[in-house]
Amino acid sequence: MKAFVGVTDERWYRFLAERPELNEVNFWRPSGGAFRALTPGEPFLFKAHYPLNRVVGGGFFSGFTQLRISEAWELFGEANGTAGPSTRRES
């Protein structure tokens, strides 16, 4: 069995952790390119950046597709890890 550890922002994790009603999240990447590290059903773990620097959650990979921001917001809403499409800045 394979697993993948995606490094993420602590704000993304905390935002989603405060919404236990969500049963699916969108782990998005601002850079292009397909994600081929896992096949559907394999574990996907979330690790927060320093200073938290630990695994904070996980789930099972369901698939990958490239979407425009508007499409991701329409499909996932707050499951993107933010309250709105313009409230998140890249660092």
N, C-alpha and C. Protein backbone atom coordinates (compact mmCIF):
# COMPACT_ATOMS: atom_id res chain seq x y z
N MET A 1 0.84 -1.17 0.00
CA MET A 1 0.00 0.00 0.00
C MET A 1 0.89 1.24 0.00
N LYS A 2 0.53 2.22 -0.82
CA LYS A 2 1.22 3.50 -0.86
C LYS A 2 0.40 4.52 -0.07
N ALA A 3 1.10 5.55 0.36
CA ALA A 3 0.44 6.71 0.98
C ALA A 3 1.20 7.94 0.50
N PHE A 4 0.57 9.09 0.57
CA PHE A 4 1.20 10.34 0.17
C PHE A 4 1.00 11.34 1.29
N VAL A 5 2.04 12.14 1.56
CA VAL A 5 1.95 13.19 2.57
C VAL A 5 1.98 14.54 1.85
N GLY A 6 0.88 15.24 1.88
CA GLY A 6 0.79 16.57 1.28
C GLY A 6 1.05 17.61 2.34
N VAL A 7 2.02 18.48 2.10
CA VAL A 7 2.35 19.54 3.05
C VAL A 7 1.40 20.70 2.80
N THR A 8 0.79 21.19 3.87
CA THR A 8 -0.24 22.21 3.73
C THR A 8 -0.09 23.31 4.76
N ASP A 9 -0.88 24.31 4.57
CA ASP A 9 -0.93 25.47 5.44
C ASP A 9 -1.77 25.14 6.67
N GLU A 10 -1.32 25.55 7.84
CA GLU A 10 -2.07 25.28 9.07
C GLU A 10 -3.45 25.94 9.04
N ARG A 11 -3.56 27.10 8.39
CA ARG A 11 -4.87 27.77 8.29
C ARG A 11 -5.87 26.92 7.51
N TRP A 12 -5.39 26.26 6.42
CA TRP A 12 -6.24 25.39 5.62
C TRP A 12 -6.78 24.26 6.50
N TYR A 13 -5.86 23.62 7.24
CA TYR A 13 -6.23 22.52 8.13
C TYR A 13 -7.22 22.97 9.20
N ARG A 14 -6.93 24.06 9.88
CA ARG A 14 -7.80 24.52 10.97
C ARG A 14 -9.18 24.92 10.45
N PHE A 15 -9.23 25.58 9.30
CA PHE A 15 -10.51 25.97 8.70
C PHE A 15 -11.37 24.73 8.48
N LEU A 16 -10.78 23.69 7.90
CA LEU A 16 -11.53 22.46 7.62
C LEU A 16 -11.85 21.68 8.88
N ALA A 17 -10.94 21.68 9.85
CA ALA A 17 -11.19 20.96 11.11
C ALA A 17 -12.38 21.54 11.86
N GLU A 18 -12.65 22.83 11.66
CA GLU A 18 -13.79 23.49 12.31
C GLU A 18 -15.11 23.19 11.61
N ARG A 19 -15.08 22.39 10.55
CA ARG A 19 -16.27 22.06 9.77
C ARG A 19 -16.43 20.53 9.65
N PRO A 20 -16.77 19.87 10.75
CA PRO A 20 -16.86 18.40 10.74
C PRO A 20 -17.95 17.87 9.81
N GLU A 21 -18.86 18.74 9.37
CA GLU A 21 -19.91 18.28 8.46
C GLU A 21 -19.39 17.99 7.05
N LEU A 22 -18.20 18.50 6.72
CA LEU A 22 -17.63 18.24 5.40
C LEU A 22 -17.10 16.81 5.34
N ASN A 23 -17.46 16.07 4.32
CA ASN A 23 -16.97 14.70 4.19
C ASN A 23 -16.00 14.55 3.02
N GLU A 24 -15.69 15.67 2.38
CA GLU A 24 -14.77 15.67 1.25
C GLU A 24 -14.06 17.02 1.23
N VAL A 25 -12.76 17.02 0.92
CA VAL A 25 -12.03 18.28 0.80
C VAL A 25 -11.28 18.31 -0.52
N ASN A 26 -10.95 19.52 -0.93
CA ASN A 26 -10.17 19.72 -2.15
C ASN A 26 -8.77 20.14 -1.73
N PHE A 27 -7.80 19.25 -1.87
CA PHE A 27 -6.41 19.59 -1.60
C PHE A 27 -5.84 20.11 -2.91
N TRP A 28 -5.82 21.41 -3.05
CA TRP A 28 -5.44 22.01 -4.31
C TRP A 28 -4.00 22.48 -4.30
N ARG A 29 -3.45 22.58 -5.49
CA ARG A 29 -2.09 23.07 -5.67
C ARG A 29 -2.12 24.20 -6.69
N PRO A 30 -1.44 25.30 -6.40
CA PRO A 30 -1.46 26.41 -7.35
C PRO A 30 -0.66 26.13 -8.62
N SER A 31 0.27 25.20 -8.57
CA SER A 31 1.06 24.89 -9.76
C SER A 31 0.34 23.84 -10.60
N GLY A 32 0.65 23.84 -11.88
CA GLY A 32 0.01 22.89 -12.79
C GLY A 32 0.64 21.51 -12.73
N GLY A 33 0.20 20.67 -13.59
CA GLY A 33 0.74 19.32 -13.66
C GLY A 33 -0.16 18.31 -12.98
N ALA A 34 -0.24 17.16 -13.55
CA ALA A 34 -1.09 16.09 -13.02
C ALA A 34 -0.52 15.51 -11.74
N PHE A 35 -1.39 14.99 -10.90
CA PHE A 35 -1.00 14.31 -9.67
C PHE A 35 -1.12 12.81 -9.93
N ARG A 36 0.00 12.11 -9.89
CA ARG A 36 0.01 10.68 -10.18
C ARG A 36 0.59 9.83 -9.06
N ALA A 37 0.77 10.42 -7.88
CA ALA A 37 1.41 9.71 -6.79
C ALA A 37 0.53 8.60 -6.20
N LEU A 38 -0.79 8.74 -6.31
CA LEU A 38 -1.71 7.76 -5.73
C LEU A 38 -2.76 7.34 -6.73
N THR A 39 -3.36 6.20 -6.46
CA THR A 39 -4.55 5.79 -7.19
C THR A 39 -5.73 5.89 -6.23
N PRO A 40 -6.94 6.01 -6.74
CA PRO A 40 -8.09 6.14 -5.85
C PRO A 40 -8.14 5.05 -4.78
N GLY A 41 -8.45 5.50 -3.56
CA GLY A 41 -8.55 4.60 -2.42
C GLY A 41 -7.31 4.55 -1.55
N GLU A 42 -6.20 5.10 -2.02
CA GLU A 42 -4.97 5.08 -1.23
C GLU A 42 -4.95 6.26 -0.25
N PRO A 43 -4.27 6.09 0.91
CA PRO A 43 -4.24 7.13 1.94
C PRO A 43 -3.50 8.40 1.51
N PHE A 44 -4.09 9.52 1.84
CA PHE A 44 -3.52 10.84 1.61
C PHE A 44 -3.48 11.53 2.96
N LEU A 45 -2.28 11.81 3.46
CA LEU A 45 -2.11 12.45 4.77
C LEU A 45 -1.79 13.92 4.58
N PHE A 46 -2.19 14.73 5.55
CA PHE A 46 -1.94 16.17 5.51
C PHE A 46 -0.98 16.54 6.63
N LYS A 47 0.12 17.16 6.27
CA LYS A 47 1.15 17.60 7.23
C LYS A 47 1.24 19.11 7.16
N ALA A 48 1.15 19.75 8.32
CA ALA A 48 1.24 21.21 8.38
C ALA A 48 2.69 21.66 8.29
N HIS A 49 2.88 22.83 7.67
CA HIS A 49 4.20 23.46 7.60
C HIS A 49 4.74 23.74 9.00
N TYR A 50 6.01 24.04 9.09
CA TYR A 50 6.65 24.56 10.30
C TYR A 50 5.90 25.83 10.71
N PRO A 51 5.62 26.10 11.94
CA PRO A 51 6.19 25.47 13.13
C PRO A 51 5.39 24.28 13.66
N LEU A 52 4.14 24.08 13.18
CA LEU A 52 3.37 22.93 13.67
C LEU A 52 4.06 21.64 13.25
N ASN A 53 4.41 21.53 11.99
CA ASN A 53 5.29 20.49 11.48
C ASN A 53 4.92 19.07 11.91
N ARG A 54 3.65 18.72 11.71
CA ARG A 54 3.21 17.36 12.04
C ARG A 54 2.02 16.98 11.17
N VAL A 55 1.74 15.69 11.11
CA VAL A 55 0.56 15.20 10.38
C VAL A 55 -0.67 15.63 11.17
N VAL A 56 -1.59 16.30 10.48
CA VAL A 56 -2.77 16.85 11.15
C VAL A 56 -4.07 16.20 10.71
N GLY A 57 -4.00 15.32 9.72
CA GLY A 57 -5.21 14.66 9.26
C GLY A 57 -4.95 13.82 8.04
N GLY A 58 -6.01 13.27 7.50
CA GLY A 58 -5.85 12.44 6.32
C GLY A 58 -7.18 11.97 5.80
N GLY A 59 -7.09 11.30 4.69
CA GLY A 59 -8.28 10.75 4.06
C GLY A 59 -7.85 9.78 2.98
N PHE A 60 -8.76 9.48 2.09
CA PHE A 60 -8.47 8.56 1.00
C PHE A 60 -8.61 9.30 -0.32
N PHE A 61 -7.60 9.18 -1.15
CA PHE A 61 -7.55 9.86 -2.44
C PHE A 61 -8.69 9.36 -3.32
N SER A 62 -9.40 10.31 -3.95
CA SER A 62 -10.48 9.90 -4.83
C SER A 62 -10.21 10.22 -6.29
N GLY A 63 -9.33 11.17 -6.56
CA GLY A 63 -9.03 11.48 -7.95
C GLY A 63 -8.41 12.84 -8.11
N PHE A 64 -7.99 13.14 -9.34
CA PHE A 64 -7.36 14.40 -9.67
C PHE A 64 -7.94 14.94 -10.96
N THR A 65 -8.14 16.24 -10.98
CA THR A 65 -8.51 16.93 -12.22
C THR A 65 -8.07 18.37 -12.10
N GLN A 66 -7.72 18.97 -13.22
CA GLN A 66 -7.36 20.38 -13.22
C GLN A 66 -8.62 21.20 -13.41
N LEU A 67 -8.79 22.21 -12.55
CA LEU A 67 -9.97 23.07 -12.59
C LEU A 67 -9.57 24.53 -12.54
N ARG A 68 -10.38 25.38 -13.12
CA ARG A 68 -10.22 26.82 -12.91
C ARG A 68 -10.69 27.11 -11.49
N ILE A 69 -10.24 28.22 -10.93
CA ILE A 69 -10.64 28.59 -9.57
C ILE A 69 -12.16 28.65 -9.45
N SER A 70 -12.81 29.22 -10.44
CA SER A 70 -14.28 29.33 -10.40
C SER A 70 -14.94 27.95 -10.37
N GLU A 71 -14.38 27.00 -11.09
CA GLU A 71 -14.93 25.64 -11.11
C GLU A 71 -14.72 24.95 -9.76
N ALA A 72 -13.52 25.10 -9.20
CA ALA A 72 -13.23 24.49 -7.89
C ALA A 72 -14.16 25.07 -6.83
N TRP A 73 -14.40 26.37 -6.89
CA TRP A 73 -15.27 26.98 -5.90
C TRP A 73 -16.71 26.50 -6.08
N GLU A 74 -17.16 26.39 -7.31
CA GLU A 74 -18.51 25.91 -7.58
C GLU A 74 -18.71 24.48 -7.09
N LEU A 75 -17.71 23.63 -7.31
CA LEU A 75 -17.81 22.22 -6.93
C LEU A 75 -17.61 21.96 -5.45
N PHE A 76 -16.64 22.63 -4.82
CA PHE A 76 -16.25 22.30 -3.45
C PHE A 76 -16.63 23.34 -2.41
N GLY A 77 -16.85 24.59 -2.79
CA GLY A 77 -17.18 25.63 -1.82
C GLY A 77 -16.15 25.68 -0.71
N GLU A 78 -16.63 25.71 0.54
CA GLU A 78 -15.72 25.80 1.69
C GLU A 78 -14.82 24.58 1.84
N ALA A 79 -15.12 23.49 1.17
CA ALA A 79 -14.24 22.31 1.22
C ALA A 79 -12.91 22.57 0.52
N ASN A 80 -12.78 23.75 -0.11
CA ASN A 80 -11.49 24.19 -0.64
C ASN A 80 -10.57 24.67 0.48
N GLY A 81 -11.11 24.86 1.67
CA GLY A 81 -10.31 25.27 2.82
C GLY A 81 -10.28 26.75 3.07
N THR A 82 -11.28 27.46 2.56
CA THR A 82 -11.37 28.90 2.76
C THR A 82 -12.83 29.34 2.66
N ALA A 83 -13.13 30.51 3.22
CA ALA A 83 -14.51 30.98 3.25
C ALA A 83 -15.00 31.51 1.91
N GLY A 84 -14.09 31.84 1.02
CA GLY A 84 -14.49 32.36 -0.28
C GLY A 84 -13.33 32.32 -1.26
N PRO A 85 -13.62 32.40 -2.54
CA PRO A 85 -12.56 32.26 -3.54
C PRO A 85 -11.51 33.36 -3.52
N SER A 86 -11.82 34.52 -2.95
CA SER A 86 -10.84 35.60 -2.95
C SER A 86 -10.19 35.83 -1.59
N THR A 87 -10.45 34.97 -0.60
CA THR A 87 -9.91 35.19 0.74
C THR A 87 -8.57 34.50 0.94
N ARG A 88 -8.09 33.78 -0.02
CA ARG A 88 -6.85 33.01 0.11
C ARG A 88 -5.78 33.64 -0.76
N ARG A 89 -4.60 33.91 -0.17
CA ARG A 89 -3.48 34.45 -0.94
C ARG A 89 -2.38 33.43 -1.02
N GLU A 90 -1.70 33.41 -2.15
CA GLU A 90 -0.53 32.53 -2.32
C GLU A 90 0.65 33.16 -1.63
N SER A 91 1.50 32.35 -1.04
CA SER A 91 2.71 32.87 -0.41
C SER A 91 3.94 32.29 -1.04
